C-alpha atoms as a PDB file:
ATOM      1  CA  MET A   1     -12.155  56.575 120.411  1.00  0.00           C
ATOM      2  CA  GLN A   2     -12.260  56.788 116.640  1.00  0.00           C
ATOM      3  CA  LYS A   3     -13.466  60.395 116.731  1.00  0.00           C
ATOM      4  CA  LEU A   4     -10.628  61.273 119.095  1.00  0.00           C
ATOM      5  CA  MET A   5      -8.108  59.774 116.653  1.00  0.00           C
ATOM      6  CA  ILE A   6      -9.623  61.745 113.757  1.00  0.00           C
ATOM      7  CA  ILE A   7      -9.454  64.982 115.753  1.00  0.00           C
ATOM      8  CA  LEU A   8      -5.844  64.348 116.780  1.00  0.00           C
ATOM      9  CA  ALA A   9      -4.849  63.436 113.226  1.00  0.00           C
ATOM     10  CA  SER A  10      -6.438  66.608 111.843  1.00  0.00           C
ATOM     11  CA  LEU A  11      -4.685  68.777 114.430  1.00  0.00           C
ATOM     12  CA  LEU A  12      -1.252  67.285 113.760  1.00  0.00           C
ATOM     13  CA  PRO A  13       0.453  69.474 111.160  1.00  0.00           C
ATOM     14  CA  SER A  14       1.972  66.845 108.922  1.00  0.00           C
ATOM     15  CA  ALA A  15       3.231  69.399 106.379  1.00  0.00           C
ATOM     16  CA  THR A  16       5.688  70.824 108.870  1.00  0.00           C
ATOM     17  CA  LEU A  17       7.167  67.389 109.451  1.00  0.00           C
ATOM     18  CA  ALA A  18       8.060  66.920 105.798  1.00  0.00           C
ATOM     19  CA  ASP A  19      11.597  67.570 104.556  1.00  0.00           C
ATOM     20  CA  ALA A  20      12.267  70.348 102.111  1.00  0.00           C
ATOM     21  CA  PHE A  21      12.644  69.367  98.466  1.00  0.00           C
ATOM     22  CA  ASP A  22      16.278  69.220  97.365  1.00  0.00           C
ATOM     23  CA  ARG A  23      16.558  69.924  93.650  1.00  0.00           C
ATOM     24  CA  PRO A  24      18.811  67.345  91.942  1.00  0.00           C
ATOM     25  CA  ILE A  25      22.024  68.616  90.405  1.00  0.00           C
ATOM     26  CA  PRO A  26      22.267  67.713  86.703  1.00  0.00           C
ATOM     27  CA  GLN A  27      25.322  65.652  85.802  1.00  0.00           C
ATOM     28  CA  PRO A  28      27.208  65.918  82.499  1.00  0.00           C
ATOM     29  CA  GLN A  29      26.741  63.063  80.063  1.00  0.00           C
ATOM     30  CA  SER A  30      29.493  60.501  79.860  1.00  0.00           C
ATOM     31  CA  ALA A  31      31.226  59.454  76.653  1.00  0.00           C
ATOM     32  CA  THR A  32      29.429  56.105  76.808  1.00  0.00           C
ATOM     33  CA  ALA A  33      26.035  57.805  76.964  1.00  0.00           C
ATOM     34  CA  GLU A  34      26.911  59.994  73.991  1.00  0.00           C
ATOM     35  CA  LEU A  35      28.084  56.949  72.002  1.00  0.00           C
ATOM     36  CA  LEU A  36      24.885  55.047  72.764  1.00  0.00           C
ATOM     37  CA  PHE A  37      22.835  58.092  71.758  1.00  0.00           C
ATOM     38  CA  LEU A  38      24.725  58.203  68.447  1.00  0.00           C
ATOM     39  CA  VAL A  39      24.057  54.502  67.826  1.00  0.00           C
ATOM     40  CA  ALA A  40      20.365  54.910  68.656  1.00  0.00           C
ATOM     41  CA  SER A  41      20.102  57.959  66.387  1.00  0.00           C
ATOM     42  CA  LEU A  42      21.700  56.084  63.485  1.00  0.00           C
ATOM     43  CA  ALA A  43      19.362  53.124  64.067  1.00  0.00           C
ATOM     44  CA  LEU A  44      16.362  55.452  64.009  1.00  0.00           C
ATOM     45  CA  ILE A  45      17.511  57.060  60.760  1.00  0.00           C
ATOM     46  CA  ALA A  46      18.093  53.606  59.210  1.00  0.00           C
ATOM     47  CA  ALA A  47      14.591  52.514  60.245  1.00  0.00           C
ATOM     48  CA  LEU A  48      13.051  55.665  58.781  1.00  0.00           C
ATOM     49  CA  VAL A  49      14.899  55.133  55.497  1.00  0.00           C
ATOM     50  CA  ALA A  50      13.737  51.497  55.390  1.00  0.00           C
ATOM     51  CA  VAL A  51      10.115  52.536  55.945  1.00  0.00           C
ATOM     52  CA  HIS A  52      10.461  55.214  53.271  1.00  0.00           C
ATOM     53  CA  LEU A  53      11.767  52.678  50.757  1.00  0.00           C
ATOM     54  CA  LEU A  54       9.007  50.195  51.588  1.00  0.00           C
ATOM     55  CA  VAL A  55       6.249  52.781  51.268  1.00  0.00           C
ATOM     56  CA  ARG A  56       7.695  54.311  48.096  1.00  0.00           C
ATOM     57  CA  ARG A  57       7.592  50.956  46.261  1.00  0.00           C
ATOM     58  CA  ARG A  58       3.832  50.613  46.621  1.00  0.00           C
END
């Protein structure tokens, strides 16, 4: 019985049963996303300046 199931499973073309891939459509960024990116960029620059000042003192 197990061999019969293996044979049937190998004969069943599972690739033809799969749906085609639908490529996602990119959406424009919102104003909120751009504002948060600006805040994160400024925080990164502030952290880099702080590390520079700490390392320069040594």
